[in-house]
C-alpha atoms as a PDB file:
ATOM      1  CA  MET A   1     -13.816  35.359-101.726  1.00  0.00           C
ATOM      2  CA  GLY A   2     -12.501  38.868-101.115  1.00  0.00           C
ATOM      3  CA  PRO A   3      -8.977  39.694 -99.037  1.00  0.00           C
ATOM      4  CA  PHE A   4     -11.462  41.145 -96.144  1.00  0.00           C
ATOM      5  CA  VAL A   5     -13.247  37.720 -95.826  1.00  0.00           C
ATOM      6  CA  VAL A   6      -9.781  36.024 -95.826  1.00  0.00           C
ATOM      7  CA  PHE A   7      -8.667  38.081 -93.118  1.00  0.00           C
ATOM      8  CA  ILE A   8     -11.444  37.578 -90.801  1.00  0.00           C
ATOM      9  CA  PHE A   9     -11.237  33.456 -90.527  1.00  0.00           C
ATOM     10  CA  THR A  10      -7.569  34.090 -90.637  1.00  0.00           C
ATOM     11  CA  ARG A  11      -7.935  36.216 -87.075  1.00  0.00           C
ATOM     12  CA  TYR A  12     -10.796  33.712 -86.260  1.00  0.00           C
ATOM     13  CA  GLU A  13      -8.751  30.665 -86.294  1.00  0.00           C
ATOM     14  CA  LYS A  14      -5.756  32.409 -84.860  1.00  0.00           C
ATOM     15  CA  ARG A  15      -7.834  33.196 -81.355  1.00  0.00           C
ATOM     16  CA  GLU A  16      -9.684  29.509 -81.166  1.00  0.00           C
ATOM     17  CA  SER A  17      -6.442  27.669 -81.313  1.00  0.00           C
ATOM     18  CA  PRO A  18      -5.524  26.858 -77.514  1.00  0.00           C
ATOM     19  CA  GLU A  19      -2.464  28.489 -76.409  1.00  0.00           C
ATOM     20  CA  LYS A  20       0.437  26.822 -74.755  1.00  0.00           C
ATOM     21  CA  PRO A  21       0.660  26.713 -71.280  1.00  0.00           C
ATOM     22  CA  LEU A  22       2.958  28.309 -69.031  1.00  0.00           C
ATOM     23  CA  ALA A  23       5.687  26.010 -67.258  1.00  0.00           C
ATOM     24  CA  PHE A  24       5.753  26.237 -64.005  1.00  0.00           C
ATOM     25  CA  PRO A  25       8.726  28.190 -62.638  1.00  0.00           C
ATOM     26  CA  PRO A  26      10.991  25.428 -61.090  1.00  0.00           C
ATOM     27  CA  GLU A  27      12.599  27.905 -58.440  1.00  0.00           C
ATOM     28  CA  LEU A  28       9.214  29.097 -57.133  1.00  0.00           C
ATOM     29  CA  ARG A  29       8.000  25.171 -57.035  1.00  0.00           C
ATOM     30  CA  ASN A  30      10.791  24.547 -55.027  1.00  0.00           C
ATOM     31  CA  ARG A  31      10.694  27.654 -52.398  1.00  0.00           C
ATOM     32  CA  ILE A  32       7.195  26.362 -51.635  1.00  0.00           C
ATOM     33  CA  LEU A  33       8.042  23.341 -50.951  1.00  0.00           C
ATOM     34  CA  GLU A  34      10.952  24.218 -48.860  1.00  0.00           C
ATOM     35  CA  SER A  35       8.586  26.514 -47.109  1.00  0.00           C
ATOM     36  CA  CYS A  36       5.840  23.693 -46.752  1.00  0.00           C
ATOM     37  CA  ASP A  37       9.107  21.730 -45.264  1.00  0.00           C
ATOM     38  CA  LEU A  38      10.194  24.220 -43.073  1.00  0.00           C
ATOM     39  CA  ASN A  39       6.897  25.090 -41.607  1.00  0.00           C
ATOM     40  CA  HIS A  40       6.353  21.369 -40.663  1.00  0.00           C
ATOM     41  CA  LEU A  41       9.641  21.308 -39.176  1.00  0.00           C
ATOM     42  CA  VAL A  42       8.979  24.287 -36.714  1.00  0.00           C
ATOM     43  CA  GLU A  43       5.401  22.735 -36.132  1.00  0.00           C
ATOM     44  CA  ASN A  44       7.174  19.631 -34.849  1.00  0.00           C
ATOM     45  CA  THR A  45       9.902  21.607 -33.444  1.00  0.00           C
ATOM     46  CA  MET A  46       7.408  23.276 -30.999  1.00  0.00           C
ATOM     47  CA  LYS A  47       5.612  20.523 -30.363  1.00  0.00           C
ATOM     48  CA  GLN A  48       8.509  18.725 -28.885  1.00  0.00           C
ATOM     49  CA  TRP A  49       9.791  21.558 -27.263  1.00  0.00           C
ATOM     50  CA  LYS A  50       6.562  21.981 -25.896  1.00  0.00           C
ATOM     51  CA  ASP A  51       6.050  18.178 -24.986  1.00  0.00           C
ATOM     52  CA  ALA A  52       9.414  18.602 -22.995  1.00  0.00           C
ATOM     53  CA  VAL A  53       8.448  21.432 -21.292  1.00  0.00           C
ATOM     54  CA  LEU A  54       5.071  19.262 -19.841  1.00  0.00           C
ATOM     55  CA  TYR A  55       7.103  16.433 -19.570  1.00  0.00           C
ATOM     56  CA  ARG A  56      10.163  18.558 -17.625  1.00  0.00           C
ATOM     57  CA  LYS A  57       7.218  20.094 -15.285  1.00  0.00           C
ATOM     58  CA  GLN A  58       5.621  16.821 -14.899  1.00  0.00           C
ATOM     59  CA  LEU A  59       8.636  15.354 -13.861  1.00  0.00           C
ATOM     60  CA  GLN A  60       9.452  17.917 -11.409  1.00  0.00           C
ATOM     61  CA  LYS A  61       6.478  17.936  -9.787  1.00  0.00           C
ATOM     62  CA  ASP A  62       6.638  14.198  -9.336  1.00  0.00           C
ATOM     63  CA  VAL A  63      10.340  14.810  -7.824  1.00  0.00           C
ATOM     64  CA  GLN A  64       8.849  17.388  -5.663  1.00  0.00           C
ATOM     65  CA  SER A  65       5.844  14.883  -4.502  1.00  0.00           C
ATOM     66  CA  PHE A  66       8.708  12.165  -3.687  1.00  0.00           C
ATOM     67  CA  ARG A  67      10.434  14.408  -1.220  1.00  0.00           C
ATOM     68  CA  ASN A  68       7.504  15.422   0.435  1.00  0.00           C
ATOM     69  CA  LEU A  69       6.968  11.791   1.262  1.00  0.00           C
ATOM     70  CA  GLN A  70       7.508  11.007   4.948  1.00  0.00           C
ATOM     71  CA  ARG A  71       8.441   7.982   6.466  1.00  0.00           C
ATOM     72  CA  ALA A  72       5.478   8.048   9.635  1.00  0.00           C
ATOM     73  CA  ASN A  73       6.901   6.968  12.551  1.00  0.00           C
ATOM     74  CA  VAL A  74       3.279   4.467  13.486  1.00  0.00           C
ATOM     75  CA  THR A  75       2.748   3.178  16.848  1.00  0.00           C
ATOM     76  CA  LEU A  76      -0.521   1.713  18.130  1.00  0.00           C
ATOM     77  CA  ASP A  77      -2.655   3.419  20.398  1.00  0.00           C
ATOM     78  CA  PRO A  78      -3.384   0.820  23.587  1.00  0.00           C
ATOM     79  CA  ASP A  79      -6.340   3.234  24.131  1.00  0.00           C
ATOM     80  CA  THR A  80      -8.308   1.929  20.785  1.00  0.00           C
ATOM     81  CA  ALA A  81      -7.229  -2.031  21.217  1.00  0.00           C
ATOM     82  CA  HIS A  82     -10.069  -4.189  21.679  1.00  0.00           C
ATOM     83  CA  PRO A  83      -9.433  -6.295  24.554  1.00  0.00           C
ATOM     84  CA  GLU A  84      -8.150  -9.173  22.912  1.00  0.00           C
ATOM     85  CA  LEU A  85      -5.152  -7.381  21.107  1.00  0.00           C
ATOM     86  CA  ILE A  86      -1.834  -7.681  22.844  1.00  0.00           C
ATOM     87  CA  LEU A  87       0.235  -4.616  22.149  1.00  0.00           C
ATOM     88  CA  SER A  88       3.997  -4.931  22.299  1.00  0.00           C
ATOM     89  CA  LYS A  89       5.578  -2.440  24.900  1.00  0.00           C
ATOM     90  CA  ASP A  90       7.043  -0.169  22.071  1.00  0.00           C
ATOM     91  CA  GLY A  91       3.865   0.040  20.137  1.00  0.00           C
ATOM     92  CA  LYS A  92       5.218  -1.263  16.903  1.00  0.00           C
ATOM     93  CA  SER A  93       3.670  -5.155  16.876  1.00  0.00           C
ATOM     94  CA  VAL A  94       0.444  -6.340  17.640  1.00  0.00           C
ATOM     95  CA  ARG A  95      -0.721  -9.967  18.115  1.00  0.00           C
ATOM     96  CA  LYS A  96      -4.277 -11.685  18.949  1.00  0.00           C
ATOM     97  CA  GLY A  97      -4.601 -13.219  22.470  1.00  0.00           C
ATOM     98  CA  TYR A  98      -6.331 -16.340  23.308  1.00  0.00           C
ATOM     99  CA  LYS A  99      -8.933 -14.189  25.760  1.00  0.00           C
ATOM    100  CA  PRO A 100     -10.154 -10.592  26.565  1.00  0.00           C
ATOM    101  CA  GLN A 101      -7.929  -8.424  29.000  1.00  0.00           C
ATOM    102  CA  ALA A 102      -9.508  -6.740  31.754  1.00  0.00           C
ATOM    103  CA  LEU A 103      -9.218  -2.994  29.775  1.00  0.00           C
ATOM    104  CA  PRO A 104     -11.055  -0.480  30.626  1.00  0.00           C
ATOM    105  CA  ASP A 105     -14.291   0.501  28.258  1.00  0.00           C
ATOM    106  CA  ASN A 106     -13.480   3.525  27.300  1.00  0.00           C
ATOM    107  CA  PRO A 107     -14.957   5.705  24.488  1.00  0.00           C
ATOM    108  CA  GLU A 108     -11.953   5.276  21.967  1.00  0.00           C
ATOM    109  CA  ARG A 109     -12.063   1.554  22.641  1.00  0.00           C
ATOM    110  CA  PHE A 110     -12.902  -0.859  19.926  1.00  0.00           C
ATOM    111  CA  SER A 111     -15.745  -3.216  21.882  1.00  0.00           C
ATOM    112  CA  ASP A 112     -16.423  -6.085  19.156  1.00  0.00           C
ATOM    113  CA  TRP A 113     -14.085  -6.225  16.325  1.00  0.00           C
ATOM    114  CA  LEU A 114     -10.519  -6.715  16.813  1.00  0.00           C
ATOM    115  CA  TYR A 115      -9.681  -3.635  15.570  1.00  0.00           C
ATOM    116  CA  VAL A 116      -6.769  -0.803  16.792  1.00  0.00           C
ATOM    117  CA  LEU A 117      -5.790   2.605  15.476  1.00  0.00           C
ATOM    118  CA  GLY A 118      -2.462   4.231  15.545  1.00  0.00           C
ATOM    119  CA  ARG A 119      -1.778   7.339  18.133  1.00  0.00           C
ATOM    120  CA  GLU A 120      -0.175   9.832  15.293  1.00  0.00           C
ATOM    121  CA  GLY A 121      -2.901  11.441  12.959  1.00  0.00           C
ATOM    122  CA  PHE A 122      -2.509  12.627   9.408  1.00  0.00           C
ATOM    123  CA  THR A 123      -4.328  15.871   8.599  1.00  0.00           C
ATOM    124  CA  ALA A 124      -2.371  16.975   5.307  1.00  0.00           C
ATOM    125  CA  GLY A 125       0.672  15.572   3.627  1.00  0.00           C
ATOM    126  CA  ARG A 126       1.902  12.265   1.880  1.00  0.00           C
ATOM    127  CA  HIS A 127       3.222   9.511   4.462  1.00  0.00           C
ATOM    128  CA  PHE A 128       4.024   5.999   4.559  1.00  0.00           C
ATOM    129  CA  TRP A 129       4.904   2.862   6.564  1.00  0.00           C
ATOM    130  CA  GLU A 130       5.338  -0.513   6.411  1.00  0.00           C
ATOM    131  CA  VAL A 131       3.441  -3.496   8.001  1.00  0.00           C
ATOM    132  CA  THR A 132       5.272  -7.145   7.948  1.00  0.00           C
ATOM    133  CA  VAL A 133       2.470  -9.773   7.324  1.00  0.00           C
ATOM    134  CA  GLU A 134       3.961 -12.973   7.102  1.00  0.00           C
ATOM    135  CA  SER A 135       2.125 -14.333  10.111  1.00  0.00           C
ATOM    136  CA  GLY A 136      -1.691 -15.016  10.457  1.00  0.00           C
ATOM    137  CA  GLU A 137      -4.298 -15.775   7.522  1.00  0.00           C
ATOM    138  CA  GLU A 138      -6.856 -13.232   8.452  1.00  0.00           C
ATOM    139  CA  TRP A 139      -5.640  -9.564   8.980  1.00  0.00           C
ATOM    140  CA  ALA A 140      -6.025  -5.427   7.654  1.00  0.00           C
ATOM    141  CA  LEU A 141      -4.330  -2.549   7.496  1.00  0.00           C
ATOM    142  CA  GLY A 142      -4.836   1.101   5.842  1.00  0.00           C
ATOM    143  CA  VAL A 143      -5.884   3.940   7.180  1.00  0.00           C
ATOM    144  CA  ALA A 144      -9.639   4.981   8.980  1.00  0.00           C
ATOM    145  CA  ARG A 145     -11.111   8.495  10.159  1.00  0.00           C
ATOM    146  CA  LYS A 146     -10.231   9.187  13.443  1.00  0.00           C
ATOM    147  CA  SER A 147     -14.373   9.785  13.783  1.00  0.00           C
ATOM    148  CA  VAL A 148     -15.054   5.721  12.744  1.00  0.00           C
ATOM    149  CA  GLU A 149     -17.599   4.004  15.165  1.00  0.00           C
ATOM    150  CA  ARG A 150     -15.872   2.245  18.030  1.00  0.00           C
ATOM    151  CA  LYS A 151     -19.143   0.523  19.423  1.00  0.00           C
ATOM    152  CA  GLY A 152     -20.904  -1.965  17.890  1.00  0.00           C
ATOM    153  CA  CYS A 153     -20.043  -4.331  14.742  1.00  0.00           C
ATOM    154  CA  PHE A 154     -19.344  -2.826  11.291  1.00  0.00           C
ATOM    155  CA  SER A 155     -17.138  -4.407   8.044  1.00  0.00           C
ATOM    156  CA  ILE A 156     -14.339  -2.706   6.705  1.00  0.00           C
ATOM    157  CA  PHE A 157     -15.433  -0.391   3.996  1.00  0.00           C
ATOM    158  CA  PRO A 158     -15.187   3.162   3.002  1.00  0.00           C
ATOM    159  CA  LYS A 159     -18.359   3.898   3.572  1.00  0.00           C
ATOM    160  CA  GLU A 160     -17.512   3.320   7.278  1.00  0.00           C
ATOM    161  CA  GLY A 161     -14.550   5.557   6.975  1.00  0.00           C
ATOM    162  CA  ILE A 162     -12.054   2.368   6.492  1.00  0.00           C
ATOM    163  CA  TRP A 163      -9.682   2.256   3.749  1.00  0.00           C
ATOM    164  CA  ALA A 164      -7.748  -1.161   3.906  1.00  0.00           C
ATOM    165  CA  VAL A 165      -6.641  -4.380   2.303  1.00  0.00           C
ATOM    166  CA  GLY A 166      -6.381  -7.524   3.870  1.00  0.00           C
ATOM    167  CA  LYS A 167      -6.022 -11.364   3.555  1.00  0.00           C
ATOM    168  CA  ARG A 168      -8.966 -14.120   4.553  1.00  0.00           C
ATOM    169  CA  GLY A 169      -9.349 -17.349   3.723  1.00  0.00           C
ATOM    170  CA  GLY A 170      -5.572 -17.593   2.237  1.00  0.00           C
ATOM    171  CA  GLU A 171      -6.566 -14.867  -0.329  1.00  0.00           C
ATOM    172  CA  TYR A 172      -5.601 -11.374  -0.291  1.00  0.00           C
ATOM    173  CA  TRP A 173      -8.479  -8.660  -0.884  1.00  0.00           C
ATOM    174  CA  ALA A 174      -9.211  -4.907  -1.137  1.00  0.00           C
ATOM    175  CA  CYS A 175     -11.702  -3.941   1.064  1.00  0.00           C
ATOM    176  CA  THR A 176     -13.975  -2.827  -1.213  1.00  0.00           C
ATOM    177  CA  SER A 177     -17.998  -1.452  -1.102  1.00  0.00           C
ATOM    178  CA  PRO A 178     -20.359  -3.386  -1.559  1.00  0.00           C
ATOM    179  CA  HIS A 179     -17.592  -6.199  -2.001  1.00  0.00           C
ATOM    180  CA  TYR A 180     -14.530  -7.206  -1.480  1.00  0.00           C
ATOM    181  CA  SER A 181     -12.100  -6.899  -4.862  1.00  0.00           C
ATOM    182  CA  PRO A 182     -10.017 -10.185  -4.864  1.00  0.00           C
ATOM    183  CA  LEU A 183      -6.220  -8.707  -5.528  1.00  0.00           C
ATOM    184  CA  SER A 184      -4.333 -10.473  -8.454  1.00  0.00           C
ATOM    185  CA  LEU A 185      -0.715 -11.079  -6.605  1.00  0.00           C
ATOM    186  CA  ARG A 186       2.543 -12.961  -8.676  1.00  0.00           C
ATOM    187  CA  GLU A 187       4.017 -13.803  -4.901  1.00  0.00           C
ATOM    188  CA  LYS A 188       2.720 -13.139  -1.637  1.00  0.00           C
ATOM    189  CA  PRO A 189       4.000  -9.935   0.277  1.00  0.00           C
ATOM    190  CA  ARG A 190       6.245 -10.106   3.078  1.00  0.00           C
ATOM    191  CA  ARG A 191       5.950  -6.299   3.900  1.00  0.00           C
ATOM    192  CA  ILE A 192       3.053  -4.106   2.595  1.00  0.00           C
ATOM    193  CA  GLN A 193       3.617  -0.089   2.132  1.00  0.00           C
ATOM    194  CA  VAL A 194       0.747   1.827   2.926  1.00  0.00           C
ATOM    195  CA  THR A 195       0.844   5.363   1.345  1.00  0.00           C
ATOM    196  CA  LEU A 196      -1.446   8.273   2.463  1.00  0.00           C
ATOM    197  CA  ASP A 197      -1.882  11.450  -0.031  1.00  0.00           C
ATOM    198  CA  HIS A 198      -4.302  13.297   2.160  1.00  0.00           C
ATOM    199  CA  GLU A 199      -4.563  16.446  -0.564  1.00  0.00           C
ATOM    200  CA  VAL A 200      -5.551  14.078  -3.164  1.00  0.00           C
ATOM    201  CA  GLY A 201      -7.848  11.251  -1.108  1.00  0.00           C
ATOM    202  CA  ARG A 202      -5.440   8.787  -2.179  1.00  0.00           C
ATOM    203  CA  VAL A 203      -4.401   5.462   0.047  1.00  0.00           C
ATOM    204  CA  SER A 204      -2.409   3.399  -1.675  1.00  0.00           C
ATOM    205  CA  PHE A 205      -0.819  -0.340  -0.848  1.00  0.00           C
ATOM    206  CA  SER A 206       2.488  -1.783  -2.302  1.00  0.00           C
ATOM    207  CA  ASP A 207       4.913  -4.862  -1.828  1.00  0.00           C
ATOM    208  CA  ALA A 208       7.581  -3.138   0.117  1.00  0.00           C
ATOM    209  CA  ASP A 209      10.131  -5.368  -0.914  1.00  0.00           C
ATOM    210  CA  SER A 210       9.527  -5.510  -4.701  1.00  0.00           C
ATOM    211  CA  GLY A 211       7.517  -2.196  -5.176  1.00  0.00           C
ATOM    212  CA  ALA A 212       4.671  -3.983  -7.114  1.00  0.00           C
ATOM    213  CA  GLU A 213       1.341  -2.051  -6.357  1.00  0.00           C
ATOM    214  CA  LEU A 214      -1.080  -4.082  -4.659  1.00  0.00           C
ATOM    215  CA  TYR A 215      -4.450  -1.657  -5.139  1.00  0.00           C
ATOM    216  CA  THR A 216      -4.864   1.884  -4.731  1.00  0.00           C
ATOM    217  CA  PHE A 217      -8.005   3.527  -3.239  1.00  0.00           C
ATOM    218  CA  SER A 218      -8.848   7.446  -4.972  1.00  0.00           C
ATOM    219  CA  GLY A 219     -10.879   9.980  -4.974  1.00  0.00           C
ATOM    220  CA  ALA A 220     -12.080   9.930  -1.513  1.00  0.00           C
ATOM    221  CA  SER A 221     -13.119  12.811   0.150  1.00  0.00           C
ATOM    222  CA  PHE A 222     -11.535  13.397   3.480  1.00  0.00           C
ATOM    223  CA  SER A 223     -12.719  16.708   4.116  1.00  0.00           C
ATOM    224  CA  GLY A 224     -10.106  17.567   6.416  1.00  0.00           C
ATOM    225  CA  GLU A 225     -10.510  15.028   8.703  1.00  0.00           C
ATOM    226  CA  THR A 226      -7.483  13.200  11.065  1.00  0.00           C
ATOM    227  CA  LEU A 227      -6.980   9.817   9.461  1.00  0.00           C
ATOM    228  CA  LEU A 228      -4.897   7.242  11.459  1.00  0.00           C
ATOM    229  CA  PRO A 229      -2.707   3.887  10.736  1.00  0.00           C
ATOM    230  CA  PHE A 230      -5.969   0.971  11.336  1.00  0.00           C
ATOM    231  CA  PHE A 231      -5.244  -2.615  12.068  1.00  0.00           C
ATOM    232  CA  TYR A 232      -7.218  -5.511  12.149  1.00  0.00           C
ATOM    233  CA  LEU A 233      -5.823  -9.765  13.442  1.00  0.00           C
ATOM    234  CA  GLY A 234      -8.807 -12.265  13.022  1.00  0.00           C
ATOM    235  CA  GLY A 235      -6.276 -15.025  13.504  1.00  0.00           C
ATOM    236  CA  TYR A 236      -4.827 -16.554  16.625  1.00  0.00           C
ATOM    237  CA  GLU A 237      -1.792 -16.784  14.349  1.00  0.00           C
ATOM    238  CA  ALA A 238      -2.186 -13.077  13.118  1.00  0.00           C
ATOM    239  CA  HIS A 239       0.838 -10.967  13.998  1.00  0.00           C
ATOM    240  CA  LEU A 240       1.244  -7.532  12.620  1.00  0.00           C
ATOM    241  CA  ILE A 241       4.897  -5.731  12.600  1.00  0.00           C
ATOM    242  CA  ILE A 242       5.359  -1.777  11.943  1.00  0.00           C
ATOM    243  CA  SER A 243       8.326  -0.485  10.835  1.00  0.00           C
END
């Protein structure tokens, strides 16, 4: 074999031999890792900042909403009271009498059910009032549309224009449609707070002493109509006091 042939094989063997892989520069690797960590840190920081801003906005909204919550000075309207209901002179309490009173059958008065409305109406804003409910085994309280029927028999349902909770048969109920919903209570409420948020269509009830939520009607459409405090008494011992 001549020298030319040996040279060819030598060149061929050198070309086919695997090349040694280049080592990844440690400094570049560390920079990339640091960059990834930094990007992750920036993303987390931005998310936390965004969450903090959203939380702060929600907190400010809740605080403003709380500030806008006004205690209503509710008094009962004698022109709407069923003849068997006896109202106090200051219009702050009502109880059931033993027989109907001789009262004019004016258009505003409830003729069949023992209902009575508050005198003051609400067309906007957030309002609350409290009612002592210690006495009696049958009663209900809440809000009603001013246009609610006054004559004839009808039940306490949202479809009738009444949002209320009450007590009957020793149990507490939310007056929902088409059937009443039982309330799960840890203890019997002594005073109930009614809170009306006219703008968002929400009526909520809570224990005025413990703050425990009893029930909330939400998503109601009040259509800009005036709403009035609503009360019902169904037993002789029933006695409601407004504060």
